[in-house]
């Protein structure tokens, strides 16, 4: 069963979340231009994690899904996505939990860890080292997508991104503001984390840099590879199973 609810973030923006399962809380954060249903529910990943004994909590990030999508830049300060996740945990009165995210969700996990989040374990998925330390690269890519809608060469990465935007019914004006909230996470900061952090990434996914380099930098990192590229890996059951394996295996 999927339960839906919402709360108001500190600035009044409505943040929706869905959850399923009972057990240890797992905050699971979706990727850019996606939402909880597409990233976690549609392809069975949430069900796999619930069956493994987790209370899976899946917010729709601001500007995404059924959460608020304000068009005013004041609602998108730096690190606002991490702020919203801290607020959601506080709203649910959760202090002992695990944390995971895909793509932008993985970047949000990194910002939470950099700002003091203390989950038992974390999973950063669909993300490489450069995607955390040099966020401007992906920001520039998506600005090009939004600034030239309808003009991208068929089959190009920008064309594919626009196609995904249409599939999820995203709001380009709100989503473009998200890019201004990105904050780099320094490599030295990443190397200082002492908790187990799994890196789960598609075998053909280098959209956000090297997942192997990220795993190697972490004190207690482990790389889990799954079939597919940045877009197709989400549709594979192996992604959900890799999350299960990363969160339930003996600590590495």
Protein backbone atom coordinates (compact mmCIF):
# COMPACT_ATOMS: atom_id res chain seq x y z
CA UNK A 1 0.00 0.00 0.00
CA UNK A 2 1.24 3.49 -0.90
CA UNK A 3 0.33 6.26 1.54
CA UNK A 4 0.41 9.88 0.33
CA UNK A 5 0.72 12.98 2.48
CA UNK A 6 2.23 16.47 2.50
CA UNK A 7 3.55 19.17 4.81
CA UNK A 8 4.66 22.77 4.52
CA UNK A 9 8.39 23.46 4.32
CA UNK A 10 9.84 26.30 6.37
CA UNK A 11 9.09 28.80 3.58
CA UNK A 12 5.53 27.59 3.10
CA UNK A 13 6.07 25.47 -0.02
CA UNK A 14 3.99 22.30 0.05
CA UNK A 15 6.16 19.17 -0.03
CA UNK A 16 4.43 15.88 -0.81
CA UNK A 17 5.71 12.48 0.07
CA UNK A 18 4.64 8.88 -0.37
CA UNK A 19 5.55 5.93 1.78
CA UNK A 20 5.18 2.19 1.89
CA UNK A 21 6.25 -0.58 4.21
CA UNK A 22 7.00 -0.83 7.89
CA UNK A 23 10.30 -1.04 9.73
CA UNK A 24 13.47 0.99 9.66
CA UNK A 25 12.88 4.39 8.02
CA UNK A 26 14.58 4.90 4.66
CA UNK A 27 14.40 8.36 3.10
CA UNK A 28 14.62 7.86 -0.65
CA UNK A 29 15.12 10.90 -2.92
CA UNK A 30 14.37 10.89 -6.66
CA UNK A 31 16.26 12.43 -9.56
CA UNK A 32 15.95 15.70 -11.47
CA UNK A 33 12.75 16.16 -13.53
CA UNK A 34 11.44 12.90 -12.08
CA UNK A 35 9.29 12.22 -8.99
CA UNK A 36 8.78 9.47 -6.44
CA UNK A 37 6.37 7.44 -8.54
CA UNK A 38 8.61 7.27 -11.62
CA UNK A 39 11.86 6.74 -9.75
CA UNK A 40 10.83 4.35 -6.98
CA UNK A 41 7.28 3.02 -7.27
CA UNK A 42 6.61 2.35 -10.97
CA UNK A 43 9.42 -0.16 -11.46
CA UNK A 44 9.12 -1.95 -8.12
CA UNK A 45 12.11 -0.57 -6.20
CA UNK A 46 10.01 0.74 -3.31
CA UNK A 47 8.21 -2.60 -3.03
CA UNK A 48 11.53 -4.48 -2.96
CA UNK A 49 12.79 -2.26 -0.14
CA UNK A 50 9.51 -2.52 1.78
CA UNK A 51 9.69 -6.30 1.45
CA UNK A 52 13.21 -6.14 2.87
CA UNK A 53 11.85 -4.54 6.03
CA UNK A 54 11.97 -0.80 5.40
CA UNK A 55 9.51 2.03 5.87
CA UNK A 56 10.26 3.68 2.53
CA UNK A 57 9.66 7.46 2.60
CA UNK A 58 9.73 9.06 -0.85
CA UNK A 59 9.31 12.84 -1.16
CA UNK A 60 8.56 14.69 -4.35
CA UNK A 61 11.22 17.41 -4.35
CA UNK A 62 10.00 21.00 -4.64
CA UNK A 63 9.37 21.88 -8.30
CA UNK A 64 8.70 18.18 -8.97
CA UNK A 65 5.75 15.79 -8.98
CA UNK A 66 2.85 16.89 -6.81
CA UNK A 67 4.92 19.15 -4.57
CA UNK A 68 4.76 22.95 -4.87
CA UNK A 69 6.32 24.50 -7.96
CA UNK A 70 6.78 28.22 -7.26
CA UNK A 71 8.27 30.32 -10.06
CA UNK A 72 9.86 32.94 -7.80
CA UNK A 73 13.63 32.54 -7.42
CA UNK A 74 13.40 33.34 -3.70
CA UNK A 75 12.07 29.82 -3.13
CA UNK A 76 15.25 28.22 -4.48
CA UNK A 77 18.20 29.29 -2.29
CA UNK A 78 21.34 27.21 -2.24
CA UNK A 79 20.88 23.79 -0.63
CA UNK A 80 17.09 24.16 -0.38
CA UNK A 81 16.56 20.52 -1.34
CA UNK A 82 18.65 19.35 1.61
CA UNK A 83 16.78 21.81 3.83
CA UNK A 84 13.49 20.27 2.76
CA UNK A 85 14.66 16.76 3.62
CA UNK A 86 15.81 17.82 7.08
CA UNK A 87 12.39 19.45 7.54
CA UNK A 88 10.59 16.28 6.43
CA UNK A 89 12.57 14.14 8.87
CA UNK A 90 11.77 16.61 11.64
CA UNK A 91 8.09 16.65 10.64
CA UNK A 92 8.00 12.85 10.90
CA UNK A 93 10.04 12.91 14.13
CA UNK A 94 12.63 10.56 12.62
CA UNK A 95 16.19 10.59 13.97
CA UNK A 96 17.35 7.00 13.26
CA UNK A 97 17.16 6.21 9.56
CA UNK A 98 18.97 5.29 6.36
CA UNK A 99 19.27 7.59 3.35
CA UNK A 100 19.40 7.07 -0.40
CA UNK A 101 18.97 8.95 -3.63
CA UNK A 102 19.26 8.71 -7.40
CA UNK A 103 21.00 11.35 -9.54
CA UNK A 104 19.89 14.71 -8.09
CA UNK A 105 18.67 12.65 -5.15
CA UNK A 106 22.17 11.28 -4.71
CA UNK A 107 23.56 14.80 -4.86
CA UNK A 108 21.03 15.82 -2.20
CA UNK A 109 22.21 12.91 -0.04
CA UNK A 110 25.76 14.28 -0.32
CA UNK A 111 24.63 17.75 0.73
CA UNK A 112 22.80 16.32 3.72
CA UNK A 113 25.87 14.37 4.79
CA UNK A 114 28.06 17.46 4.32
CA UNK A 115 25.71 19.40 6.58
CA UNK A 116 25.61 16.91 9.41
CA UNK A 117 23.03 14.27 8.54
CA UNK A 118 23.79 11.07 10.44
CA UNK A 119 22.01 8.11 8.81
CA UNK A 120 23.11 4.59 9.61
CA UNK A 121 23.92 3.97 5.96
CA UNK A 122 23.65 5.94 2.76
CA UNK A 123 23.26 5.07 -0.91
CA UNK A 124 24.33 7.51 -3.62
CA UNK A 125 23.05 6.27 -6.98
CA UNK A 126 23.24 7.45 -10.57
CA UNK A 127 26.07 9.71 -9.54
CA UNK A 128 29.84 9.98 -9.97
CA UNK A 129 32.47 12.02 -8.22
CA UNK A 130 32.38 14.98 -10.60
CA UNK A 131 28.61 15.20 -10.24
CA UNK A 132 29.14 16.05 -6.58
CA UNK A 133 32.27 18.17 -6.74
CA UNK A 134 31.50 20.09 -9.97
CA UNK A 135 27.74 20.59 -10.09
CA UNK A 136 28.03 23.40 -12.61
CA UNK A 137 28.66 20.93 -15.42
CA UNK A 138 25.24 19.32 -15.17
CA UNK A 139 23.69 22.66 -14.39
CA UNK A 140 24.93 24.03 -17.70
CA UNK A 141 23.60 20.98 -19.54
CA UNK A 142 20.09 21.43 -18.15
CA UNK A 143 20.08 25.19 -18.66
CA UNK A 144 20.70 24.45 -22.32
CA UNK A 145 17.81 21.99 -22.29
CA UNK A 146 15.38 24.52 -20.81
CA UNK A 147 16.60 27.49 -22.85
CA UNK A 148 16.19 25.68 -26.18
CA UNK A 149 13.08 23.55 -25.79
CA UNK A 150 11.87 22.16 -29.08
CA UNK A 151 15.17 22.87 -30.83
CA UNK A 152 17.41 19.97 -29.75
CA UNK A 153 18.82 17.51 -32.28
CA UNK A 154 16.88 14.27 -32.22
CA UNK A 155 18.74 11.61 -30.29
CA UNK A 156 21.05 14.05 -28.50
CA UNK A 157 21.35 14.02 -24.72
CA UNK A 158 19.47 17.34 -24.57
CA UNK A 159 16.69 15.92 -26.77
CA UNK A 160 16.43 12.88 -24.48
CA UNK A 161 16.23 15.13 -21.42
CA UNK A 162 13.42 17.15 -23.02
CA UNK A 163 11.60 13.94 -23.89
CA UNK A 164 11.81 12.85 -20.25
CA UNK A 165 10.55 16.27 -19.16
CA UNK A 166 7.48 15.76 -21.34
CA UNK A 167 6.97 12.24 -19.98
CA UNK A 168 6.89 13.43 -16.36
CA UNK A 169 4.92 16.60 -17.12
CA UNK A 170 7.62 18.76 -15.55
CA UNK A 171 7.39 22.53 -15.13
CA UNK A 172 10.45 24.00 -16.92
CA UNK A 173 10.21 27.41 -15.22
CA UNK A 174 10.24 25.90 -11.73
CA UNK A 175 12.81 23.23 -12.56
CA UNK A 176 15.25 25.77 -13.98
CA UNK A 177 15.37 27.47 -10.58
CA UNK A 178 16.47 24.18 -8.99
CA UNK A 179 19.75 24.49 -10.90
CA UNK A 180 20.57 27.66 -8.96
CA UNK A 181 20.29 25.76 -5.67
CA UNK A 182 23.15 23.35 -6.49
CA UNK A 183 26.15 23.38 -4.13
CA UNK A 184 29.44 21.58 -4.76
CA UNK A 185 30.63 19.08 -2.17
CA UNK A 186 34.40 19.18 -1.73
CA UNK A 187 36.35 15.95 -2.27
CA UNK A 188 37.97 16.33 1.14
CA UNK A 189 34.51 16.50 2.70
CA UNK A 190 33.45 13.31 0.90
CA UNK A 191 36.63 11.57 2.03
CA UNK A 192 35.86 12.48 5.66
CA UNK A 193 32.59 10.55 5.89
CA UNK A 194 32.91 7.57 8.21
CA UNK A 195 29.58 5.84 7.63
CA UNK A 196 29.11 3.09 5.02
CA UNK A 197 28.14 4.69 1.69
CA UNK A 198 27.17 2.52 -1.26
CA UNK A 199 27.53 3.85 -4.80
CA UNK A 200 24.96 2.25 -7.13
CA UNK A 201 25.29 3.09 -10.81
CA UNK A 202 24.45 1.78 -14.26
CA UNK A 203 27.27 0.11 -16.14
CA UNK A 204 26.91 2.59 -19.02
CA UNK A 205 26.19 5.63 -16.85
CA UNK A 206 28.87 8.31 -16.81
CA UNK A 207 26.51 11.30 -16.98
CA UNK A 208 27.73 12.54 -13.61
CA UNK A 209 31.33 11.40 -13.78
CA UNK A 210 32.98 8.29 -12.40
CA UNK A 211 31.03 6.22 -9.87
CA UNK A 212 34.15 4.11 -9.31
CA UNK A 213 36.18 7.21 -8.37
CA UNK A 214 33.47 8.23 -5.91
CA UNK A 215 33.41 4.81 -4.27
CA UNK A 216 37.22 4.78 -4.05
CA UNK A 217 37.30 8.19 -2.34
CA UNK A 218 34.90 7.15 0.40
CA UNK A 219 36.34 5.69 3.61
CA UNK A 220 33.71 2.96 3.65
CA UNK A 221 32.46 3.00 0.09
CA UNK A 222 31.40 0.12 -2.11
CA UNK A 223 30.44 0.18 -5.78
CA UNK A 224 27.37 -1.74 -6.95
CA UNK A 225 26.90 -1.79 -10.73
CA UNK A 226 23.57 -2.50 -12.41
CA UNK A 227 22.56 -2.83 -16.07
CA UNK A 228 21.81 0.25 -18.11
CA UNK A 229 22.66 3.91 -18.54
CA UNK A 230 21.49 6.93 -16.57
CA UNK A 231 17.94 6.74 -17.89
CA UNK A 232 17.44 3.00 -18.36
CA UNK A 233 18.94 1.81 -15.06
CA UNK A 234 15.88 3.14 -13.23
CA UNK A 235 13.66 0.73 -15.17
CA UNK A 236 15.66 -2.37 -14.17
CA UNK A 237 14.77 -4.53 -11.16
CA UNK A 238 18.47 -4.81 -10.44
CA UNK A 239 18.49 -1.20 -9.23
CA UNK A 240 16.08 -1.90 -6.39
CA UNK A 241 17.90 -5.12 -5.55
CA UNK A 242 21.22 -3.27 -5.39
CA UNK A 243 19.68 -0.85 -2.87
CA UNK A 244 18.46 -3.81 -0.82
CA UNK A 245 21.88 -5.44 -0.97
CA UNK A 246 23.68 -2.23 -0.05
CA UNK A 247 21.44 -1.55 2.93
CA UNK A 248 21.21 -5.07 4.33
CA UNK A 249 24.64 -6.59 3.67
CA UNK A 250 27.18 -6.89 6.45
CA UNK A 251 29.00 -3.59 6.82
CA UNK A 252 32.00 -3.32 4.57
